[in-house]
Amino acid sequence: MTFNDREGRNVTGVIARINQRTAILGISDGETWRVPFHVLRRVLEV
């Protein structure tokens, strides 16, 4: 999944956990982000 952070950077990660209103994404550098569902987008690889 991907989303844009507050500074406009594109952040891509894998869903590690799902809560009632948010998802926790694990990023490749070991960092985690708690993100509301409405800002997440699927990554489509071609």
C-alpha atoms as a PDB file:
ATOM      1  CA  MET A   1       0.000   0.000   0.000  1.00  0.00           C
ATOM      2  CA  THR A   2       1.108   3.572  -0.485  1.00  0.00           C
ATOM      3  CA  PHE A   3       0.175   7.023   0.788  1.00  0.00           C
ATOM      4  CA  ASN A   4       1.535  10.576   0.831  1.00  0.00           C
ATOM      5  CA  ASP A   5       2.861  11.820   4.170  1.00  0.00           C
ATOM      6  CA  ARG A   6       2.315  15.365   5.483  1.00  0.00           C
ATOM      7  CA  GLU A   7       5.308  16.635   3.524  1.00  0.00           C
ATOM      8  CA  GLY A   8       3.984  15.172   0.269  1.00  0.00           C
ATOM      9  CA  ARG A   9       6.458  12.280   0.050  1.00  0.00           C
ATOM     10  CA  ASN A  10       5.220   8.966  -1.282  1.00  0.00           C
ATOM     11  CA  VAL A  11       5.532   6.224   1.381  1.00  0.00           C
ATOM     12  CA  THR A  12       5.127   2.566   0.418  1.00  0.00           C
ATOM     13  CA  GLY A  13       4.831  -0.371   2.792  1.00  0.00           C
ATOM     14  CA  VAL A  14       3.077  -3.593   3.721  1.00  0.00           C
ATOM     15  CA  ILE A  15       0.086  -3.790   6.046  1.00  0.00           C
ATOM     16  CA  ALA A  16       1.302  -5.304   9.312  1.00  0.00           C
ATOM     17  CA  ARG A  17      -1.875  -4.872  11.359  1.00  0.00           C
ATOM     18  CA  ILE A  18      -5.449  -3.673  10.868  1.00  0.00           C
ATOM     19  CA  ASN A  19      -7.341  -1.733  13.517  1.00  0.00           C
ATOM     20  CA  GLN A  20     -10.925  -0.510  13.391  1.00  0.00           C
ATOM     21  CA  ARG A  21     -10.121   2.843  11.687  1.00  0.00           C
ATOM     22  CA  THR A  22      -6.434   2.587  10.769  1.00  0.00           C
ATOM     23  CA  ALA A  23      -3.839   0.239   9.338  1.00  0.00           C
ATOM     24  CA  ILE A  24      -0.284  -0.081  10.560  1.00  0.00           C
ATOM     25  CA  LEU A  25       2.189  -0.207   7.685  1.00  0.00           C
ATOM     26  CA  GLY A  26       5.667  -1.642   7.941  1.00  0.00           C
ATOM     27  CA  ILE A  27       8.161   0.298   5.817  1.00  0.00           C
ATOM     28  CA  SER A  28      11.348  -1.241   4.380  1.00  0.00           C
ATOM     29  CA  ASP A  29      13.632   0.659   6.782  1.00  0.00           C
ATOM     30  CA  GLY A  30      11.896  -0.911   9.828  1.00  0.00           C
ATOM     31  CA  GLU A  31       9.735   2.106  10.583  1.00  0.00           C
ATOM     32  CA  THR A  32       5.969   1.750  11.144  1.00  0.00           C
ATOM     33  CA  TRP A  33       3.189   4.205  10.304  1.00  0.00           C
ATOM     34  CA  ARG A  34      -0.400   4.262  11.587  1.00  0.00           C
ATOM     35  CA  VAL A  35      -2.485   5.419   8.626  1.00  0.00           C
ATOM     36  CA  PRO A  36      -6.256   5.933   8.220  1.00  0.00           C
ATOM     37  CA  PHE A  37      -7.825   3.768   5.518  1.00  0.00           C
ATOM     38  CA  HIS A  38      -9.061   6.716   3.442  1.00  0.00           C
ATOM     39  CA  VAL A  39      -5.518   7.863   2.575  1.00  0.00           C
ATOM     40  CA  LEU A  40      -4.195   4.435   1.514  1.00  0.00           C
ATOM     41  CA  ARG A  41      -3.853   3.447  -2.142  1.00  0.00           C
ATOM     42  CA  ARG A  42      -2.998   0.101  -3.690  1.00  0.00           C
ATOM     43  CA  VAL A  43       0.281  -0.292  -5.531  1.00  0.00           C
ATOM     44  CA  LEU A  44      -0.196  -1.815  -8.955  1.00  0.00           C
ATOM     45  CA  GLU A  45       2.964  -3.252 -10.464  1.00  0.00           C
ATOM     46  CA  VAL A  46       3.125  -3.610 -14.223  1.00  0.00           C
END
